[in-house]
PDB file of N, CA and C in Angstrom:
ATOM      1  N   UNK A   1      -7.204  -6.172 -12.837  1.00  0.00           N
ATOM      2  CA  UNK A   1      -5.818  -5.897 -13.035  1.00  0.00           C
ATOM      3  C   UNK A   1      -4.980  -7.130 -13.105  1.00  0.00           C
ATOM      4  N   UNK A   2      -4.237  -7.140 -14.059  1.00  0.00           N
ATOM      5  CA  UNK A   2      -3.292  -8.375 -14.143  1.00  0.00           C
ATOM      6  C   UNK A   2      -2.109  -8.319 -13.168  1.00  0.00           C
ATOM      7  N   UNK A   3      -1.540  -9.461 -12.938  1.00  0.00           N
ATOM      8  CA  UNK A   3      -0.368  -9.671 -11.895  1.00  0.00           C
ATOM      9  C   UNK A   3       0.775  -8.719 -12.163  1.00  0.00           C
ATOM     10  N   UNK A   4       1.162  -8.439 -13.228  1.00  0.00           N
ATOM     11  CA  UNK A   4       2.236  -7.524 -13.497  1.00  0.00           C
ATOM     12  C   UNK A   4       1.919  -6.137 -13.144  1.00  0.00           C
ATOM     13  N   UNK A   5       0.657  -5.729 -13.583  1.00  0.00           N
ATOM     14  CA  UNK A   5       0.153  -4.188 -13.242  1.00  0.00           C
ATOM     15  C   UNK A   5      -0.051  -4.274 -11.703  1.00  0.00           C
ATOM     16  N   UNK A   6      -0.348  -5.181 -10.906  1.00  0.00           N
ATOM     17  CA  UNK A   6      -0.597  -5.370  -9.441  1.00  0.00           C
ATOM     18  C   UNK A   6       0.674  -5.001  -8.915  1.00  0.00           C
ATOM     19  N   UNK A   7       1.801  -5.911  -9.315  1.00  0.00           N
ATOM     20  CA  UNK A   7       3.145  -5.602  -8.891  1.00  0.00           C
ATOM     21  C   UNK A   7       3.689  -4.269  -9.121  1.00  0.00           C
ATOM     22  N   UNK A   8       3.465  -3.665 -10.168  1.00  0.00           N
ATOM     23  CA  UNK A   8       3.858  -2.342 -10.561  1.00  0.00           C
ATOM     24  C   UNK A   8       3.259  -1.211  -9.707  1.00  0.00           C
ATOM     25  N   UNK A   9       1.898  -1.371  -9.611  1.00  0.00           N
ATOM     26  CA  UNK A   9       1.155  -0.415  -8.735  1.00  0.00           C
ATOM     27  C   UNK A   9       1.495  -0.672  -7.255  1.00  0.00           C
ATOM     28  N   UNK A  10       1.654  -1.847  -6.927  1.00  0.00           N
ATOM     29  CA  UNK A  10       1.910  -2.136  -5.530  1.00  0.00           C
ATOM     30  C   UNK A  10       3.443  -1.602  -5.263  1.00  0.00           C
ATOM     31  N   UNK A  11       4.249  -1.686  -6.070  1.00  0.00           N
ATOM     32  CA  UNK A  11       5.718  -1.127  -5.949  1.00  0.00           C
ATOM     33  C   UNK A  11       5.417   0.446  -5.665  1.00  0.00           C
ATOM     34  N   UNK A  12       4.723   0.965  -6.650  1.00  0.00           N
ATOM     35  CA  UNK A  12       4.492   2.504  -6.499  1.00  0.00           C
ATOM     36  C   UNK A  12       3.806   2.874  -5.160  1.00  0.00           C
ATOM     37  N   UNK A  13       2.851   2.234  -4.817  1.00  0.00           N
ATOM     38  CA  UNK A  13       2.098   2.505  -3.477  1.00  0.00           C
ATOM     39  C   UNK A  13       3.006   2.233  -2.286  1.00  0.00           C
ATOM     40  N   UNK A  14       3.612   1.144  -2.439  1.00  0.00           N
ATOM     41  CA  UNK A  14       4.744   0.932  -1.162  1.00  0.00           C
ATOM     42  C   UNK A  14       5.735   2.032  -1.072  1.00  0.00           C
ATOM     43  N   UNK A  15       6.378   2.393  -2.355  1.00  0.00           N
ATOM     44  CA  UNK A  15       7.317   3.375  -2.286  1.00  0.00           C
ATOM     45  C   UNK A  15       6.861   4.799  -1.877  1.00  0.00           C
ATOM     46  N   UNK A  16       5.643   5.251  -2.116  1.00  0.00           N
ATOM     47  CA  UNK A  16       4.977   6.462  -1.928  1.00  0.00           C
ATOM     48  C   UNK A  16       4.670   6.318  -0.309  1.00  0.00           C
ATOM     49  N   UNK A  17       4.081   5.127   0.098  1.00  0.00           N
ATOM     50  CA  UNK A  17       4.012   5.032   1.555  1.00  0.00           C
ATOM     51  C   UNK A  17       5.116   4.916   2.513  1.00  0.00           C
ATOM     52  N   UNK A  18       6.402   4.421   1.971  1.00  0.00           N
ATOM     53  CA  UNK A  18       7.567   4.408   2.866  1.00  0.00           C
ATOM     54  C   UNK A  18       8.097   5.957   2.737  1.00  0.00           C
ATOM     55  N   UNK A  19       7.861   6.708   1.705  1.00  0.00           N
ATOM     56  CA  UNK A  19       8.239   8.148   1.741  1.00  0.00           C
ATOM     57  C   UNK A  19       7.380   8.787   2.854  1.00  0.00           C
ATOM     58  N   UNK A  20       6.159   8.723   2.807  1.00  0.00           N
ATOM     59  CA  UNK A  20       5.210   9.264   3.742  1.00  0.00           C
ATOM     60  C   UNK A  20       5.635   9.012   5.261  1.00  0.00           C
ATOM     61  N   UNK A  21       6.006   7.623   5.289  1.00  0.00           N
ATOM     62  CA  UNK A  21       6.165   7.220   6.779  1.00  0.00           C
ATOM     63  C   UNK A  21       7.741   7.299   7.137  1.00  0.00           C
ATOM     64  N   UNK A  22       8.453   7.849   6.295  1.00  0.00           N
ATOM     65  CA  UNK A  22       9.870   7.967   6.556  1.00  0.00           C
ATOM     66  C   UNK A  22      10.668   6.728   6.758  1.00  0.00           C
ATOM     67  N   UNK A  23      10.229   5.759   5.995  1.00  0.00           N
ATOM     68  CA  UNK A  23      11.053   4.290   6.218  1.00  0.00           C
ATOM     69  C   UNK A  23      11.713   3.939   4.741  1.00  0.00           C
ATOM     70  N   UNK A  24      11.848   4.935   3.922  1.00  0.00           N
ATOM     71  CA  UNK A  24      12.303   4.535   2.578  1.00  0.00           C
ATOM     72  C   UNK A  24      13.730   4.140   2.706  1.00  0.00           C
ATOM     73  N   UNK A  25      14.582   4.656   3.512  1.00  0.00           N
ATOM     74  CA  UNK A  25      16.036   4.263   3.623  1.00  0.00           C
ATOM     75  C   UNK A  25      16.117   2.914   4.179  1.00  0.00           C
ATOM     76  N   UNK A  26      15.247   2.366   4.987  1.00  0.00           N
ATOM     77  CA  UNK A  26      15.491   1.019   5.396  1.00  0.00           C
ATOM     78  C   UNK A  26      14.643   0.002   4.597  1.00  0.00           C
ATOM     79  N   UNK A  27      13.713   0.557   3.594  1.00  0.00           N
ATOM     80  CA  UNK A  27      13.125  -0.515   2.730  1.00  0.00           C
ATOM     81  C   UNK A  27      13.661  -0.653   1.577  1.00  0.00           C
ATOM     82  N   UNK A  28      13.747  -1.893   1.026  1.00  0.00           N
ATOM     83  CA  UNK A  28      14.090  -2.047  -0.424  1.00  0.00           C
ATOM     84  C   UNK A  28      12.982  -2.270  -1.392  1.00  0.00           C
ATOM     85  N   UNK A  29      13.432  -2.563  -2.572  1.00  0.00           N
ATOM     86  CA  UNK A  29      12.490  -2.550  -3.635  1.00  0.00           C
ATOM     87  C   UNK A  29      11.379  -3.712  -3.341  1.00  0.00           C
ATOM     88  N   UNK A  30      11.933  -4.789  -2.828  1.00  0.00           N
ATOM     89  CA  UNK A  30      11.043  -5.945  -2.634  1.00  0.00           C
ATOM     90  C   UNK A  30       9.982  -5.617  -1.381  1.00  0.00           C
ATOM     91  N   UNK A  31      10.566  -4.998  -0.351  1.00  0.00           N
ATOM     92  CA  UNK A  31       9.615  -4.576   0.774  1.00  0.00           C
ATOM     93  C   UNK A  31       8.723  -3.540   0.281  1.00  0.00           C
ATOM     94  N   UNK A  32       9.036  -2.684  -0.417  1.00  0.00           N
ATOM     95  CA  UNK A  32       7.989  -1.661  -1.069  1.00  0.00           C
ATOM     96  C   UNK A  32       7.035  -2.393  -1.975  1.00  0.00           C
ATOM     97  N   UNK A  33       7.406  -3.359  -2.678  1.00  0.00           N
ATOM     98  CA  UNK A  33       6.388  -4.251  -3.428  1.00  0.00           C
ATOM     99  C   UNK A  33       5.331  -4.873  -2.478  1.00  0.00           C
ATOM    100  N   UNK A  34       5.951  -5.586  -1.390  1.00  0.00           N
ATOM    101  CA  UNK A  34       5.149  -6.505  -0.547  1.00  0.00           C
ATOM    102  C   UNK A  34       4.171  -5.370   0.195  1.00  0.00           C
ATOM    103  N   UNK A  35       4.818  -4.352   0.670  1.00  0.00           N
ATOM    104  CA  UNK A  35       3.927  -3.356   1.364  1.00  0.00           C
ATOM    105  C   UNK A  35       2.744  -2.860   0.625  1.00  0.00           C
ATOM    106  N   UNK A  36       3.179  -2.404  -0.683  1.00  0.00           N
ATOM    107  CA  UNK A  36       2.208  -1.958  -1.540  1.00  0.00           C
ATOM    108  C   UNK A  36       0.953  -2.980  -1.857  1.00  0.00           C
ATOM    109  N   UNK A  37       1.309  -4.165  -2.144  1.00  0.00           N
ATOM    110  CA  UNK A  37       0.346  -5.233  -2.625  1.00  0.00           C
ATOM    111  C   UNK A  37      -0.461  -5.638  -1.230  1.00  0.00           C
ATOM    112  N   UNK A  38       0.233  -5.842  -0.176  1.00  0.00           N
ATOM    113  CA  UNK A  38      -0.603  -6.163   0.952  1.00  0.00           C
ATOM    114  C   UNK A  38      -1.335  -4.966   1.545  1.00  0.00           C
ATOM    115  N   UNK A  39      -0.700  -3.907   1.327  1.00  0.00           N
ATOM    116  CA  UNK A  39      -1.491  -2.591   1.821  1.00  0.00           C
ATOM    117  C   UNK A  39      -2.718  -2.347   0.899  1.00  0.00           C
ATOM    118  N   UNK A  40      -2.665  -2.688  -0.393  1.00  0.00           N
ATOM    119  CA  UNK A  40      -3.661  -2.425  -1.252  1.00  0.00           C
ATOM    120  C   UNK A  40      -4.939  -3.273  -0.777  1.00  0.00           C
ATOM    121  N   UNK A  41      -4.481  -4.604  -0.353  1.00  0.00           N
ATOM    122  CA  UNK A  41      -5.663  -5.488   0.167  1.00  0.00           C
ATOM    123  C   UNK A  41      -6.170  -4.911   1.566  1.00  0.00           C
ATOM    124  N   UNK A  42      -5.347  -4.404   2.503  1.00  0.00           N
ATOM    125  CA  UNK A  42      -5.861  -3.685   3.696  1.00  0.00           C
ATOM    126  C   UNK A  42      -6.594  -2.608   3.347  1.00  0.00           C
ATOM    127  N   UNK A  43      -6.225  -1.701   2.556  1.00  0.00           N
ATOM    128  CA  UNK A  43      -6.856  -0.414   1.901  1.00  0.00           C
ATOM    129  C   UNK A  43      -8.252  -0.787   1.495  1.00  0.00           C
ATOM    130  N   UNK A  44      -8.159  -1.722   0.589  1.00  0.00           N
ATOM    131  CA  UNK A  44      -9.466  -2.130  -0.002  1.00  0.00           C
ATOM    132  C   UNK A  44     -10.604  -2.696   0.962  1.00  0.00           C
ATOM    133  N   UNK A  45     -10.086  -3.289   1.872  1.00  0.00           N
ATOM    134  CA  UNK A  45     -10.952  -3.748   3.168  1.00  0.00           C
ATOM    135  C   UNK A  45     -11.543  -2.606   3.878  1.00  0.00           C
ATOM    136  N   UNK A  46     -10.736  -1.788   4.103  1.00  0.00           N
ATOM    137  CA  UNK A  46     -10.917  -0.535   4.932  1.00  0.00           C
ATOM    138  C   UNK A  46     -11.980   0.378   4.178  1.00  0.00           C
ATOM    139  N   UNK A  47     -11.700   0.788   2.887  1.00  0.00           N
ATOM    140  CA  UNK A  47     -12.619   1.611   2.118  1.00  0.00           C
ATOM    141  C   UNK A  47     -13.929   0.922   2.008  1.00  0.00           C
ATOM    142  N   UNK A  48     -13.934  -0.354   1.806  1.00  0.00           N
ATOM    143  CA  UNK A  48     -15.244  -1.100   1.643  1.00  0.00           C
ATOM    144  C   UNK A  48     -16.047  -1.027   2.959  1.00  0.00           C
ATOM    145  N   UNK A  49     -15.391  -1.227   4.043  1.00  0.00           N
ATOM    146  CA  UNK A  49     -16.030  -1.261   5.246  1.00  0.00           C
ATOM    147  C   UNK A  49     -16.832   0.125   5.497  1.00  0.00           C
ATOM    148  N   UNK A  50     -16.160   1.307   5.086  1.00  0.00           N
ATOM    149  CA  UNK A  50     -16.840   2.552   5.182  1.00  0.00           C
ATOM    150  C   UNK A  50     -17.740   2.797   4.039  1.00  0.00           C
ATOM    151  N   UNK A  51     -18.137   1.878   3.210  1.00  0.00           N
ATOM    152  CA  UNK A  51     -19.172   2.029   2.257  1.00  0.00           C
ATOM    153  C   UNK A  51     -18.733   2.534   0.826  1.00  0.00           C
ATOM    154  N   UNK A  52     -17.281   2.615   0.580  1.00  0.00           N
ATOM    155  CA  UNK A  52     -16.951   3.187  -0.651  1.00  0.00           C
ATOM    156  C   UNK A  52     -16.664   1.909  -1.434  1.00  0.00           C
ATOM    157  N   UNK A  53     -16.639   2.034  -2.916  1.00  0.00           N
ATOM    158  CA  UNK A  53     -16.245   0.936  -3.608  1.00  0.00           C
ATOM    159  C   UNK A  53     -14.800   0.662  -3.713  1.00  0.00           C
ATOM    160  N   UNK A  54     -14.350  -0.423  -3.732  1.00  0.00           N
ATOM    161  CA  UNK A  54     -12.785  -0.740  -3.745  1.00  0.00           C
ATOM    162  C   UNK A  54     -12.349  -0.630  -5.200  1.00  0.00           C
ATOM    163  N   UNK A  55     -13.302  -0.740  -6.172  1.00  0.00           N
ATOM    164  CA  UNK A  55     -13.029  -0.720  -7.512  1.00  0.00           C
ATOM    165  C   UNK A  55     -12.972   0.603  -8.127  1.00  0.00           C
ATOM    166  N   UNK A  56     -12.148   1.062  -8.924  1.00  0.00           N
ATOM    167  CA  UNK A  56     -12.125   2.381  -9.468  1.00  0.00           C
ATOM    168  C   UNK A  56     -11.078   2.495 -10.476  1.00  0.00           C
ATOM    169  N   UNK A  57     -10.666   3.757 -10.828  1.00  0.00           N
ATOM    170  CA  UNK A  57      -9.545   4.006 -11.766  1.00  0.00           C
ATOM    171  C   UNK A  57      -8.258   3.707 -11.230  1.00  0.00           C
ATOM    172  N   UNK A  58      -7.208   3.967 -11.922  1.00  0.00           N
ATOM    173  CA  UNK A  58      -5.814   3.903 -11.362  1.00  0.00           C
ATOM    174  C   UNK A  58      -5.506   4.811 -10.269  1.00  0.00           C
ATOM    175  N   UNK A  59      -5.952   5.984 -10.316  1.00  0.00           N
ATOM    176  CA  UNK A  59      -5.650   7.048  -9.202  1.00  0.00           C
ATOM    177  C   UNK A  59      -6.443   6.471  -7.843  1.00  0.00           C
ATOM    178  N   UNK A  60      -7.645   6.063  -7.983  1.00  0.00           N
ATOM    179  CA  UNK A  60      -8.195   5.415  -6.761  1.00  0.00           C
ATOM    180  C   UNK A  60      -7.394   4.246  -6.307  1.00  0.00           C
ATOM    181  N   UNK A  61      -7.113   3.252  -7.027  1.00  0.00           N
ATOM    182  CA  UNK A  61      -6.281   2.205  -6.736  1.00  0.00           C
ATOM    183  C   UNK A  61      -4.889   2.601  -5.915  1.00  0.00           C
ATOM    184  N   UNK A  62      -4.299   3.674  -6.513  1.00  0.00           N
ATOM    185  CA  UNK A  62      -3.125   4.121  -5.834  1.00  0.00           C
ATOM    186  C   UNK A  62      -3.301   4.807  -4.458  1.00  0.00           C
ATOM    187  N   UNK A  63      -4.379   5.523  -4.300  1.00  0.00           N
ATOM    188  CA  UNK A  63      -4.677   6.157  -3.080  1.00  0.00           C
ATOM    189  C   UNK A  63      -5.172   5.189  -2.081  1.00  0.00           C
ATOM    190  N   UNK A  64      -5.914   4.153  -2.377  1.00  0.00           N
ATOM    191  CA  UNK A  64      -6.335   3.045  -1.432  1.00  0.00           C
ATOM    192  C   UNK A  64      -5.013   2.274  -1.093  1.00  0.00           C
ATOM    193  N   UNK A  65      -4.036   2.066  -2.066  1.00  0.00           N
ATOM    194  CA  UNK A  65      -2.944   1.125  -1.883  1.00  0.00           C
ATOM    195  C   UNK A  65      -2.022   1.885  -0.862  1.00  0.00           C
ATOM    196  N   UNK A  66      -1.914   3.231  -1.092  1.00  0.00           N
ATOM    197  CA  UNK A  66      -1.053   3.928  -0.214  1.00  0.00           C
ATOM    198  C   UNK A  66      -1.608   4.012   1.294  1.00  0.00           C
ATOM    199  N   UNK A  67      -2.955   4.131   1.429  1.00  0.00           N
ATOM    200  CA  UNK A  67      -3.527   4.181   2.607  1.00  0.00           C
ATOM    201  C   UNK A  67      -3.284   2.868   3.409  1.00  0.00           C
ATOM    202  N   UNK A  68      -3.422   1.817   2.650  1.00  0.00           N
ATOM    203  CA  UNK A  68      -3.265   0.555   3.277  1.00  0.00           C
ATOM    204  C   UNK A  68      -1.810   0.272   3.668  1.00  0.00           C
ATOM    205  N   UNK A  69      -0.984   0.704   2.709  1.00  0.00           N
ATOM    206  CA  UNK A  69       0.602   0.355   2.895  1.00  0.00           C
ATOM    207  C   UNK A  69       1.012   1.330   3.961  1.00  0.00           C
ATOM    208  N   UNK A  70       0.443   2.549   4.251  1.00  0.00           N
ATOM    209  CA  UNK A  70       0.853   3.394   5.482  1.00  0.00           C
ATOM    210  C   UNK A  70       0.435   2.742   6.786  1.00  0.00           C
ATOM    211  N   UNK A  71      -0.818   2.165   6.701  1.00  0.00           N
ATOM    212  CA  UNK A  71      -1.183   1.456   7.946  1.00  0.00           C
ATOM    213  C   UNK A  71      -0.389   0.212   8.276  1.00  0.00           C
ATOM    214  N   UNK A  72      -0.114  -0.579   7.200  1.00  0.00           N
ATOM    215  CA  UNK A  72       0.889  -1.696   7.403  1.00  0.00           C
ATOM    216  C   UNK A  72       2.282  -1.216   7.904  1.00  0.00           C
ATOM    217  N   UNK A  73       2.870  -0.257   7.272  1.00  0.00           N
ATOM    218  CA  UNK A  73       4.005   0.063   7.665  1.00  0.00           C
ATOM    219  C   UNK A  73       4.098   0.529   9.186  1.00  0.00           C
ATOM    220  N   UNK A  74       2.991   1.330   9.616  1.00  0.00           N
ATOM    221  CA  UNK A  74       2.867   1.845  10.844  1.00  0.00           C
ATOM    222  C   UNK A  74       2.718   0.651  11.925  1.00  0.00           C
ATOM    223  N   UNK A  75       2.059  -0.289  11.527  1.00  0.00           N
ATOM    224  CA  UNK A  75       1.840  -1.599  12.536  1.00  0.00           C
ATOM    225  C   UNK A  75       3.179  -2.169  12.513  1.00  0.00           C
ATOM    226  N   UNK A  76       3.882  -2.379  11.484  1.00  0.00           N
ATOM    227  CA  UNK A  76       5.217  -3.026  11.498  1.00  0.00           C
ATOM    228  C   UNK A  76       6.201  -2.219  12.338  1.00  0.00           C
ATOM    229  N   UNK A  77       6.113  -0.938  12.143  1.00  0.00           N
ATOM    230  CA  UNK A  77       7.047  -0.001  13.012  1.00  0.00           C
ATOM    231  C   UNK A  77       6.811  -0.249  14.481  1.00  0.00           C
ATOM    232  N   UNK A  78       5.335  -0.263  14.862  1.00  0.00           N
ATOM    233  CA  UNK A  78       5.129  -0.335  16.226  1.00  0.00           C
ATOM    234  C   UNK A  78       5.417  -1.839  16.802  1.00  0.00           C
ATOM    235  N   UNK A  79       5.382  -2.859  15.999  1.00  0.00           N
ATOM    236  CA  UNK A  79       5.972  -4.158  16.373  1.00  0.00           C
ATOM    237  C   UNK A  79       7.401  -4.234  16.708  1.00  0.00           C
ATOM    238  N   UNK A  80       8.198  -3.473  15.578  1.00  0.00           N
ATOM    239  CA  UNK A  80       9.670  -3.589  15.745  1.00  0.00           C
ATOM    240  C   UNK A  80      10.279  -2.808  16.877  1.00  0.00           C
ATOM    241  N   UNK A  81       9.471  -1.796  17.283  1.00  0.00           N
ATOM    242  CA  UNK A  81       9.967  -0.780  18.164  1.00  0.00           C
ATOM    243  C   UNK A  81       9.277  -0.943  19.473  1.00  0.00           C
TER     244      UNK A  81
END
């Protein structure tokens, strides 16, 4: 995936994760992008650990990215509070 596509998918993953974790009001666009891109790396590592392929189609990439972004947001919330 190219860098622009990674940023767009990362932003979508971060936004969906912020909706799931009820942090959308306190996160801006840049935070959503960072959460999504970093979350995608976290999610890819986790699914690979459990024996699944981290490579797949767009839907799989979004699901993995949302999983990782939710985990990242949860960790950040625990550290902040």
